[in-house]
Every structure is written in structure tokens, then in C-alpha cells.
N, C-alpha and C. Protein backbone atom coordinates (compact mmCIF):
# COMPACT_ATOMS: atom_id res chain seq x y z
N UNK A 1 -6.10 5.27 11.16
CA UNK A 1 -5.28 4.36 11.87
C UNK A 1 -3.99 5.01 12.34
N UNK A 2 -3.37 5.78 11.49
CA UNK A 2 -2.08 6.44 11.79
C UNK A 2 -2.40 7.53 12.87
N UNK A 3 -3.44 8.21 12.74
CA UNK A 3 -3.79 9.32 13.67
C UNK A 3 -4.05 8.75 15.10
N UNK A 4 -4.68 7.55 15.13
CA UNK A 4 -4.95 6.85 16.43
C UNK A 4 -3.59 6.52 17.09
N UNK A 5 -2.72 6.01 16.32
CA UNK A 5 -1.38 5.66 16.86
C UNK A 5 -0.63 6.86 17.36
N UNK A 6 -0.69 7.96 16.65
CA UNK A 6 -0.06 9.14 17.13
C UNK A 6 -0.71 9.68 18.40
N UNK A 7 -2.03 9.75 18.52
CA UNK A 7 -2.73 10.13 19.68
C UNK A 7 -2.33 9.22 20.90
N UNK A 8 -2.27 7.94 20.65
CA UNK A 8 -1.93 7.03 21.76
C UNK A 8 -0.53 7.24 22.31
N UNK A 9 0.41 7.56 21.32
CA UNK A 9 1.79 7.84 21.80
C UNK A 9 1.86 9.22 22.53
N UNK A 10 1.11 10.19 22.13
CA UNK A 10 1.05 11.45 22.86
C UNK A 10 0.49 11.26 24.26
N UNK A 11 -0.49 10.50 24.38
CA UNK A 11 -1.11 10.18 25.71
C UNK A 11 -0.12 9.44 26.57
N UNK A 12 0.64 8.48 25.99
CA UNK A 12 1.67 7.77 26.69
C UNK A 12 2.78 8.79 27.19
N UNK A 13 3.17 9.75 26.33
CA UNK A 13 4.15 10.71 26.63
C UNK A 13 3.66 11.65 27.75
N UNK A 14 2.40 11.98 27.71
CA UNK A 14 1.84 12.90 28.78
C UNK A 14 1.74 12.14 30.08
N UNK A 15 1.46 10.90 30.12
CA UNK A 15 1.43 10.11 31.40
C UNK A 15 2.81 10.02 31.95
N UNK A 16 3.82 9.82 31.17
CA UNK A 16 5.19 9.72 31.72
C UNK A 16 5.59 11.01 32.28
N UNK A 17 5.33 12.06 31.53
CA UNK A 17 5.69 13.45 32.00
C UNK A 17 4.97 13.81 33.27
N UNK A 18 3.66 13.40 33.36
CA UNK A 18 2.85 13.67 34.56
C UNK A 18 3.45 13.01 35.79
N UNK A 19 3.87 11.71 35.58
CA UNK A 19 4.43 11.01 36.69
C UNK A 19 5.77 11.65 37.15
N UNK A 20 6.56 12.06 36.13
CA UNK A 20 7.83 12.64 36.45
C UNK A 20 7.72 13.97 37.14
N UNK A 21 6.81 14.89 36.74
CA UNK A 21 6.79 16.18 37.30
C UNK A 21 5.99 16.19 38.62
N UNK A 22 4.99 15.33 38.76
CA UNK A 22 4.15 15.37 40.00
C UNK A 22 4.89 14.51 41.10
N UNK A 23 5.41 13.32 40.72
CA UNK A 23 5.95 12.47 41.76
C UNK A 23 7.44 12.28 41.66
N UNK A 24 8.03 13.05 40.77
CA UNK A 24 9.45 12.94 40.49
C UNK A 24 10.43 12.95 41.70
N UNK A 25 10.34 14.08 42.55
CA UNK A 25 11.35 14.11 43.68
C UNK A 25 11.34 13.00 44.63
N UNK A 26 10.12 12.44 44.80
CA UNK A 26 10.02 11.34 45.86
C UNK A 26 10.31 9.98 45.23
N UNK A 27 10.46 9.87 43.99
CA UNK A 27 10.63 8.53 43.27
C UNK A 27 12.08 7.97 43.41
N UNK A 28 13.01 8.87 43.47
CA UNK A 28 14.39 8.37 43.58
C UNK A 28 15.10 8.47 42.22
N UNK A 29 16.39 8.46 42.23
CA UNK A 29 17.19 8.69 41.04
C UNK A 29 17.06 7.55 40.01
N UNK A 30 16.93 6.28 40.44
CA UNK A 30 16.82 5.14 39.47
C UNK A 30 15.51 5.20 38.73
N UNK A 31 14.47 5.58 39.39
CA UNK A 31 13.17 5.70 38.79
C UNK A 31 13.11 6.92 37.81
N UNK A 32 13.71 7.97 38.16
CA UNK A 32 13.78 9.11 37.29
C UNK A 32 14.60 8.80 36.02
N UNK A 33 15.64 8.01 36.19
CA UNK A 33 16.43 7.61 35.02
C UNK A 33 15.64 6.74 34.13
N UNK A 34 14.89 5.78 34.68
CA UNK A 34 14.03 4.92 33.89
C UNK A 34 12.87 5.73 33.14
N UNK A 35 12.36 6.76 33.84
CA UNK A 35 11.33 7.53 33.13
C UNK A 35 11.92 8.28 31.94
N UNK A 36 13.20 8.79 32.11
CA UNK A 36 13.87 9.44 30.96
C UNK A 36 14.03 8.45 29.79
N UNK A 37 14.37 7.21 30.11
CA UNK A 37 14.46 6.21 29.03
C UNK A 37 13.12 5.92 28.39
N UNK A 38 12.09 5.83 29.23
CA UNK A 38 10.75 5.65 28.72
C UNK A 38 10.22 6.80 27.82
N UNK A 39 10.72 7.99 28.08
CA UNK A 39 10.35 9.16 27.28
C UNK A 39 10.69 9.02 25.82
N UNK A 40 11.75 8.29 25.57
CA UNK A 40 12.25 8.08 24.21
C UNK A 40 11.25 7.22 23.30
N UNK A 41 10.66 6.27 23.95
CA UNK A 41 9.82 5.33 23.16
C UNK A 41 8.64 6.08 22.50
N UNK A 42 7.76 6.78 23.20
CA UNK A 42 6.64 7.41 22.44
C UNK A 42 7.15 8.58 21.47
N UNK A 43 8.29 9.21 21.84
CA UNK A 43 8.81 10.31 21.10
C UNK A 43 9.25 9.71 19.71
N UNK A 44 10.04 8.63 19.74
CA UNK A 44 10.49 7.97 18.55
C UNK A 44 9.32 7.40 17.70
N UNK A 45 8.31 6.85 18.36
CA UNK A 45 7.15 6.40 17.61
C UNK A 45 6.41 7.51 16.97
N UNK A 46 6.24 8.58 17.61
CA UNK A 46 5.54 9.74 16.94
C UNK A 46 6.39 10.21 15.71
N UNK A 47 7.63 10.42 15.92
CA UNK A 47 8.51 10.80 14.77
C UNK A 47 8.44 9.88 13.62
N UNK A 48 8.49 8.56 13.91
CA UNK A 48 8.43 7.55 12.84
C UNK A 48 7.04 7.66 12.06
N UNK A 49 5.93 7.73 12.83
CA UNK A 49 4.64 7.83 12.26
C UNK A 49 4.44 9.04 11.43
N UNK A 50 5.08 10.20 11.81
CA UNK A 50 4.91 11.41 11.11
C UNK A 50 5.73 11.39 9.83
N UNK A 51 6.96 10.80 9.89
CA UNK A 51 7.84 10.83 8.76
C UNK A 51 7.59 9.75 7.76
N UNK A 52 7.19 8.51 8.20
CA UNK A 52 6.93 7.42 7.32
C UNK A 52 5.83 7.59 6.31
N UNK A 53 6.10 7.41 5.03
CA UNK A 53 5.12 7.59 3.98
C UNK A 53 4.46 6.24 3.61
N UNK A 54 4.97 5.13 4.05
CA UNK A 54 4.43 3.87 3.66
C UNK A 54 3.11 3.56 4.37
N UNK A 55 2.39 2.64 3.87
CA UNK A 55 1.17 2.24 4.57
C UNK A 55 1.52 1.49 5.86
N UNK A 56 0.71 1.70 6.92
CA UNK A 56 0.94 1.05 8.16
C UNK A 56 0.66 -0.52 8.04
N UNK A 57 -0.39 -0.75 7.37
CA UNK A 57 -0.75 -2.24 7.11
C UNK A 57 -0.65 -2.42 5.63
N UNK A 58 0.47 -2.95 5.13
CA UNK A 58 0.63 -3.17 3.69
C UNK A 58 -0.41 -4.17 3.09
N UNK A 59 -0.97 -5.11 3.90
CA UNK A 59 -1.86 -6.01 3.36
C UNK A 59 -3.20 -5.32 2.94
N UNK A 60 -3.61 -4.22 3.68
CA UNK A 60 -4.74 -3.48 3.37
C UNK A 60 -4.59 -2.66 2.09
N UNK A 61 -3.31 -2.19 1.85
CA UNK A 61 -3.18 -1.39 0.61
C UNK A 61 -3.12 -2.29 -0.65
N UNK A 62 -2.92 -3.55 -0.48
CA UNK A 62 -2.97 -4.46 -1.60
C UNK A 62 -4.33 -4.90 -1.95
N UNK A 63 -5.33 -4.51 -1.17
CA UNK A 63 -6.68 -4.90 -1.45
C UNK A 63 -7.36 -3.90 -2.47
N UNK A 64 -8.14 -4.41 -3.29
CA UNK A 64 -8.88 -3.63 -4.27
C UNK A 64 -10.29 -4.16 -4.28
N UNK A 65 -11.34 -3.37 -3.84
CA UNK A 65 -12.68 -3.76 -3.82
C UNK A 65 -12.89 -4.98 -2.89
N UNK A 66 -12.05 -5.14 -1.78
CA UNK A 66 -12.24 -6.26 -0.91
C UNK A 66 -11.55 -7.50 -1.34
N UNK A 67 -10.90 -7.46 -2.55
CA UNK A 67 -10.19 -8.70 -3.08
C UNK A 67 -8.73 -8.45 -2.98
N UNK A 68 -8.05 -9.40 -2.36
CA UNK A 68 -6.60 -9.34 -2.34
C UNK A 68 -6.00 -9.71 -3.68
N UNK A 69 -5.20 -8.84 -4.21
CA UNK A 69 -4.55 -9.11 -5.53
C UNK A 69 -3.44 -10.09 -5.32
N UNK A 70 -3.21 -10.88 -6.33
CA UNK A 70 -2.11 -11.91 -6.28
C UNK A 70 -1.34 -11.82 -7.52
N UNK A 71 -0.20 -12.34 -7.49
CA UNK A 71 0.66 -12.41 -8.66
C UNK A 71 0.10 -13.49 -9.66
N UNK A 72 -0.06 -13.10 -10.90
CA UNK A 72 -0.66 -13.97 -11.88
C UNK A 72 0.55 -14.49 -12.70
N UNK A 73 0.32 -15.69 -13.32
CA UNK A 73 1.30 -16.23 -14.27
C UNK A 73 1.21 -15.37 -15.51
N UNK A 74 2.38 -14.83 -15.93
CA UNK A 74 2.44 -13.99 -17.07
C UNK A 74 3.55 -14.45 -17.95
N UNK A 75 3.28 -14.47 -19.21
CA UNK A 75 4.24 -14.94 -20.24
C UNK A 75 4.62 -13.72 -21.09
N UNK A 76 5.95 -13.44 -21.22
CA UNK A 76 6.44 -12.42 -22.10
C UNK A 76 7.12 -13.07 -23.32
N UNK A 77 6.55 -12.86 -24.51
CA UNK A 77 7.16 -13.40 -25.67
C UNK A 77 8.20 -12.45 -26.23
N UNK A 78 9.38 -13.00 -26.50
CA UNK A 78 10.43 -12.19 -27.10
C UNK A 78 11.14 -13.08 -28.15
N UNK A 79 12.02 -12.46 -28.92
CA UNK A 79 12.80 -13.23 -29.85
C UNK A 79 11.91 -13.66 -31.09
N UNK A 80 12.08 -14.88 -31.50
CA UNK A 80 11.35 -15.38 -32.65
C UNK A 80 10.16 -16.24 -32.40
N UNK A 81 9.93 -16.59 -31.13
CA UNK A 81 8.81 -17.50 -30.81
C UNK A 81 7.73 -16.71 -30.18
N UNK A 82 6.61 -16.74 -30.81
CA UNK A 82 5.40 -16.03 -30.36
C UNK A 82 4.15 -16.90 -30.45
N UNK A 83 3.17 -16.71 -29.56
CA UNK A 83 1.87 -17.27 -29.79
C UNK A 83 1.21 -16.41 -30.86
N UNK A 84 0.24 -16.97 -31.52
CA UNK A 84 -0.44 -16.27 -32.61
C UNK A 84 -1.96 -16.08 -32.15
N UNK A 85 -2.48 -14.87 -32.47
CA UNK A 85 -3.87 -14.59 -32.14
C UNK A 85 -4.56 -14.20 -33.38
N UNK A 86 -5.67 -14.84 -33.66
CA UNK A 86 -6.42 -14.53 -34.89
C UNK A 86 -7.77 -13.93 -34.58
N UNK A 87 -8.10 -12.81 -35.16
CA UNK A 87 -9.40 -12.16 -35.07
C UNK A 87 -9.82 -11.72 -36.43
N UNK A 88 -11.06 -12.21 -36.79
CA UNK A 88 -11.67 -11.90 -38.12
C UNK A 88 -10.65 -12.15 -39.27
N UNK A 89 -9.94 -13.29 -39.19
CA UNK A 89 -9.07 -13.65 -40.27
C UNK A 89 -7.73 -12.91 -40.26
N UNK A 90 -7.52 -12.00 -39.32
CA UNK A 90 -6.20 -11.28 -39.24
C UNK A 90 -5.42 -11.91 -38.06
N UNK A 91 -4.18 -12.24 -38.40
CA UNK A 91 -3.34 -12.88 -37.38
C UNK A 91 -2.37 -11.86 -36.79
N UNK A 92 -2.27 -11.88 -35.52
CA UNK A 92 -1.35 -10.93 -34.75
C UNK A 92 -0.37 -11.83 -33.95
N UNK A 93 0.76 -11.27 -33.58
CA UNK A 93 1.68 -11.90 -32.70
C UNK A 93 1.38 -11.45 -31.25
N UNK A 94 1.55 -12.30 -30.25
CA UNK A 94 1.20 -11.99 -28.93
C UNK A 94 2.48 -11.56 -28.21
N UNK A 95 2.41 -10.37 -27.52
CA UNK A 95 3.51 -9.85 -26.73
C UNK A 95 3.56 -10.45 -25.37
N UNK A 96 2.41 -10.32 -24.66
CA UNK A 96 2.25 -10.88 -23.29
C UNK A 96 0.91 -11.65 -23.25
N UNK A 97 0.96 -12.65 -22.34
CA UNK A 97 -0.20 -13.47 -22.10
C UNK A 97 -0.32 -13.72 -20.61
N UNK A 98 -1.54 -13.53 -20.12
CA UNK A 98 -1.81 -13.87 -18.66
C UNK A 98 -3.22 -14.59 -18.60
N UNK A 99 -3.52 -14.92 -17.39
CA UNK A 99 -4.87 -15.62 -17.24
C UNK A 99 -6.02 -14.81 -17.82
N UNK A 100 -5.88 -13.50 -17.54
CA UNK A 100 -7.10 -12.70 -17.88
C UNK A 100 -6.91 -11.75 -19.08
N UNK A 101 -5.71 -11.72 -19.71
CA UNK A 101 -5.61 -10.75 -20.73
C UNK A 101 -4.50 -11.07 -21.71
N UNK A 102 -4.46 -10.30 -22.83
CA UNK A 102 -3.54 -10.52 -23.88
C UNK A 102 -3.06 -9.16 -24.39
N UNK A 103 -1.77 -8.91 -24.59
CA UNK A 103 -1.26 -7.80 -25.33
C UNK A 103 -0.69 -8.29 -26.58
N UNK A 104 -1.20 -7.74 -27.67
CA UNK A 104 -0.80 -8.19 -28.99
C UNK A 104 -0.05 -7.07 -29.79
N UNK A 105 0.79 -7.41 -30.71
CA UNK A 105 1.42 -6.45 -31.50
C UNK A 105 0.41 -5.99 -32.65
N UNK A 106 0.14 -4.69 -32.70
CA UNK A 106 -0.79 -4.21 -33.65
C UNK A 106 -0.47 -2.77 -33.91
N UNK A 107 -0.60 -2.32 -35.13
CA UNK A 107 -0.32 -0.92 -35.44
C UNK A 107 -1.47 -0.08 -34.97
N UNK A 108 -1.20 1.22 -34.91
CA UNK A 108 -2.31 2.11 -34.42
C UNK A 108 -3.46 2.27 -35.43
N UNK A 109 -3.15 1.81 -36.71
CA UNK A 109 -4.20 1.85 -37.71
C UNK A 109 -5.11 0.60 -37.68
N UNK A 110 -4.73 -0.38 -36.89
CA UNK A 110 -5.54 -1.63 -36.69
C UNK A 110 -6.89 -1.28 -36.06
N UNK A 111 -7.93 -1.68 -36.71
CA UNK A 111 -9.24 -1.49 -36.13
C UNK A 111 -9.79 -2.79 -35.58
N UNK A 112 -10.18 -2.75 -34.32
CA UNK A 112 -10.79 -3.95 -33.68
C UNK A 112 -12.05 -3.49 -33.00
N UNK A 113 -13.07 -4.28 -33.09
CA UNK A 113 -14.34 -3.98 -32.39
C UNK A 113 -14.12 -4.01 -30.92
N UNK A 114 -14.86 -3.25 -30.15
CA UNK A 114 -14.66 -3.20 -28.74
C UNK A 114 -14.89 -4.59 -28.11
N UNK A 115 -15.91 -5.33 -28.47
CA UNK A 115 -16.15 -6.73 -28.08
C UNK A 115 -15.75 -7.58 -29.28
N UNK A 116 -14.85 -8.57 -29.05
CA UNK A 116 -14.40 -9.38 -30.17
C UNK A 116 -14.25 -10.84 -29.77
N UNK A 117 -14.17 -11.66 -30.82
CA UNK A 117 -13.91 -13.09 -30.51
C UNK A 117 -12.74 -13.50 -31.44
N UNK A 118 -12.08 -14.61 -31.10
CA UNK A 118 -10.99 -15.08 -31.92
C UNK A 118 -10.42 -16.41 -31.30
N UNK A 119 -9.13 -16.62 -31.71
CA UNK A 119 -8.50 -17.87 -31.31
C UNK A 119 -7.01 -17.55 -31.10
N UNK A 120 -6.47 -18.12 -30.04
CA UNK A 120 -5.09 -18.05 -29.72
C UNK A 120 -4.38 -19.40 -30.04
N UNK A 121 -3.38 -19.40 -30.79
CA UNK A 121 -2.64 -20.61 -31.07
C UNK A 121 -1.32 -20.55 -30.26
N UNK A 122 -1.24 -21.36 -29.20
CA UNK A 122 -0.08 -21.30 -28.30
C UNK A 122 1.07 -22.20 -28.80
N UNK A 123 2.21 -21.91 -28.33
CA UNK A 123 3.44 -22.69 -28.71
C UNK A 123 3.40 -24.10 -28.24
N UNK A 124 2.66 -24.33 -27.15
CA UNK A 124 2.52 -25.70 -26.65
C UNK A 124 1.59 -26.50 -27.49
N UNK A 125 1.01 -25.99 -28.51
CA UNK A 125 0.10 -26.71 -29.40
C UNK A 125 -1.35 -26.57 -29.10
N UNK A 126 -1.77 -25.90 -28.07
CA UNK A 126 -3.19 -25.70 -27.72
C UNK A 126 -3.77 -24.54 -28.53
N UNK A 127 -5.00 -24.59 -28.88
CA UNK A 127 -5.74 -23.54 -29.40
C UNK A 127 -6.87 -23.13 -28.47
N UNK A 128 -6.96 -21.82 -28.17
CA UNK A 128 -7.91 -21.39 -27.25
C UNK A 128 -8.80 -20.38 -27.99
N UNK A 129 -10.14 -20.74 -27.99
CA UNK A 129 -11.19 -19.82 -28.51
C UNK A 129 -11.48 -18.83 -27.32
N UNK A 130 -11.70 -17.57 -27.63
CA UNK A 130 -11.98 -16.58 -26.66
C UNK A 130 -12.90 -15.52 -27.07
N UNK A 131 -13.55 -14.91 -26.06
CA UNK A 131 -14.25 -13.65 -26.29
C UNK A 131 -13.53 -12.63 -25.43
N UNK A 132 -13.43 -11.38 -25.88
CA UNK A 132 -12.58 -10.40 -25.24
C UNK A 132 -13.12 -9.00 -25.45
N UNK A 133 -12.67 -8.14 -24.60
CA UNK A 133 -13.00 -6.65 -24.75
C UNK A 133 -11.67 -5.93 -24.90
N UNK A 134 -11.63 -4.97 -25.79
CA UNK A 134 -10.48 -4.18 -25.99
C UNK A 134 -10.34 -3.21 -24.87
N UNK A 135 -9.33 -3.30 -24.04
CA UNK A 135 -9.12 -2.44 -22.92
C UNK A 135 -8.47 -1.09 -23.25
N UNK A 136 -7.36 -1.20 -23.98
CA UNK A 136 -6.69 0.03 -24.38
C UNK A 136 -5.78 -0.22 -25.58
N UNK A 137 -5.42 0.87 -26.23
CA UNK A 137 -4.39 0.83 -27.30
C UNK A 137 -3.19 1.51 -26.85
N UNK A 138 -2.01 0.91 -27.09
CA UNK A 138 -0.77 1.49 -26.70
C UNK A 138 0.06 1.67 -27.94
N UNK A 139 1.24 2.12 -27.77
CA UNK A 139 2.19 2.32 -28.91
C UNK A 139 2.52 0.99 -29.48
N UNK A 140 1.98 0.70 -30.60
CA UNK A 140 2.29 -0.62 -31.32
C UNK A 140 1.62 -1.85 -30.70
N UNK A 141 0.61 -1.64 -29.83
CA UNK A 141 0.04 -2.81 -29.20
C UNK A 141 -1.49 -2.53 -28.85
N UNK A 142 -2.20 -3.57 -28.73
CA UNK A 142 -3.56 -3.51 -28.24
C UNK A 142 -3.72 -4.50 -27.03
N UNK A 143 -4.39 -4.09 -25.95
CA UNK A 143 -4.54 -4.93 -24.83
C UNK A 143 -6.01 -5.41 -24.75
N UNK A 144 -6.17 -6.69 -24.65
CA UNK A 144 -7.57 -7.30 -24.57
C UNK A 144 -7.73 -7.96 -23.17
N UNK A 145 -8.94 -7.78 -22.60
CA UNK A 145 -9.35 -8.48 -21.43
C UNK A 145 -10.17 -9.68 -21.82
N UNK A 146 -9.78 -10.83 -21.48
CA UNK A 146 -10.52 -12.12 -21.79
C UNK A 146 -11.74 -12.24 -20.87
N UNK A 147 -12.89 -12.64 -21.48
CA UNK A 147 -14.11 -12.88 -20.62
C UNK A 147 -13.97 -14.14 -19.79
N UNK A 148 -13.27 -15.21 -20.37
CA UNK A 148 -13.01 -16.45 -19.55
C UNK A 148 -11.50 -16.52 -19.40
N UNK A 149 -10.98 -16.67 -18.17
CA UNK A 149 -9.57 -16.73 -18.00
C UNK A 149 -8.94 -17.98 -18.54
N UNK A 150 -7.71 -17.91 -18.97
CA UNK A 150 -6.96 -19.04 -19.41
C UNK A 150 -6.43 -19.77 -18.10
N UNK A 151 -6.51 -21.06 -18.11
CA UNK A 151 -6.12 -21.82 -16.95
C UNK A 151 -4.64 -21.75 -16.64
N UNK A 152 -4.33 -21.79 -15.36
CA UNK A 152 -2.89 -21.66 -14.98
C UNK A 152 -2.13 -22.80 -15.49
N UNK A 153 -2.72 -24.04 -15.52
CA UNK A 153 -2.00 -25.21 -16.03
C UNK A 153 -1.58 -24.98 -17.49
N UNK A 154 -2.48 -24.40 -18.34
CA UNK A 154 -2.20 -24.14 -19.65
C UNK A 154 -1.05 -23.09 -19.80
N UNK A 155 -1.08 -22.11 -18.97
CA UNK A 155 -0.01 -21.06 -18.93
C UNK A 155 1.37 -21.67 -18.58
N UNK A 156 1.35 -22.52 -17.63
CA UNK A 156 2.55 -23.21 -17.16
C UNK A 156 3.12 -24.07 -18.26
N UNK A 157 2.25 -24.79 -19.01
CA UNK A 157 2.63 -25.60 -20.14
C UNK A 157 3.19 -24.69 -21.27
N UNK A 158 2.61 -23.59 -21.45
CA UNK A 158 3.12 -22.64 -22.46
C UNK A 158 4.47 -22.07 -22.13
N UNK A 159 4.67 -21.76 -20.81
CA UNK A 159 5.96 -21.35 -20.41
C UNK A 159 7.08 -22.35 -20.65
N UNK A 160 6.72 -23.55 -20.38
CA UNK A 160 7.70 -24.71 -20.65
C UNK A 160 7.99 -24.72 -22.14
N UNK A 161 6.98 -24.63 -22.99
CA UNK A 161 7.09 -24.69 -24.44
C UNK A 161 8.02 -23.49 -24.95
N UNK A 162 7.79 -22.33 -24.29
CA UNK A 162 8.60 -21.23 -24.70
C UNK A 162 10.03 -21.30 -24.29
N UNK A 163 10.20 -21.92 -23.07
CA UNK A 163 11.57 -22.07 -22.60
C UNK A 163 12.35 -23.13 -23.47
N UNK A 164 11.60 -24.04 -24.00
CA UNK A 164 12.18 -25.16 -24.84
C UNK A 164 12.40 -24.66 -26.23
N UNK A 165 12.04 -23.41 -26.59
CA UNK A 165 12.21 -22.96 -27.94
C UNK A 165 11.05 -23.03 -28.83
N UNK A 166 9.85 -23.31 -28.27
CA UNK A 166 8.64 -23.37 -29.14
C UNK A 166 8.42 -24.77 -29.63
N UNK A 167 7.15 -24.97 -30.14
CA UNK A 167 6.82 -26.29 -30.58
C UNK A 167 7.16 -26.54 -32.08
């Protein structure tokens, strides 16, 4: 796409120069002046296209596998109020919660099966049973991908409960 734009601007520049050199003397001073002004347009376009590192169409760069990504509701737990996640009788505090995933506080020694089930007890009073896959382990945390997303309405209700200081 960028190469096509550069080629189009070079062709436009060539046409202006062709008109100027072939028909220039008989066009008159006003037309020659306008041609000089027109020369700046493709030249500036070419320079901008060569220098600019951003995507020409930002909406296309936001696509992944044909799906446009969108901002999800995400809850960051801090302070003393946390949702609790229980897997195999072990309870963890939740750092982050979104529609499709959970980041929980866990030591690097914590062993979790790759596919796991459990329950999340939210501050708003709801309990959510889930099936999840362990995505990755980070410094002091484990990230899970939920097989069934948590509803946006539930997350909004949880945000309100967190803002109110917990249930």
C-alpha cells in the first residue's frame, strides 16, 4: 500500500515536470508559478511516506486474524480488597480480572495443572465456577485463560463493589 502511494506520487511529479519542460515557455508566467507550487505536493507526500514509520491504515494494524481487537473491561485489584480464586482447595488472591482471563498471586513453587477448574469469589458477592488453561507463569503470578468468558455486566458490578471498598 505504501509503495503504491509512493509510485503514484512519483508519476504525478513526472507529469508536472513533463508539462513544465515540454510546454513551459508557451504557458506563461502564472502557469509556470502554479506548476512550481504543484511540484511541492508530490514531493512532500513522498518524503512523508518514506519517513513515517506508522501504519498507513491504523484500523488494519489493529486486526488479528480478521478480528478487530477491542478494549475489554479489566479490573486491577490493589490494597486490601481482592477477589479470591480457589483451585483444588488452595485459595489465591486475584491481581487482575477480565472477561477472558485471570492473573492470580502465586509463588513460582505453586504447581497447577495445565487445564484446571475452580471457583472465583468476587467482591460483589457472586461466585463463578470456571474451567481454565494456564497461559504463563510470571514473577509471583500465574495467568489463566478462561474457557467461558465472564460477562461484562458481572465485571461492571465487580468494579462498583471494588470502588465501594468491597462487600
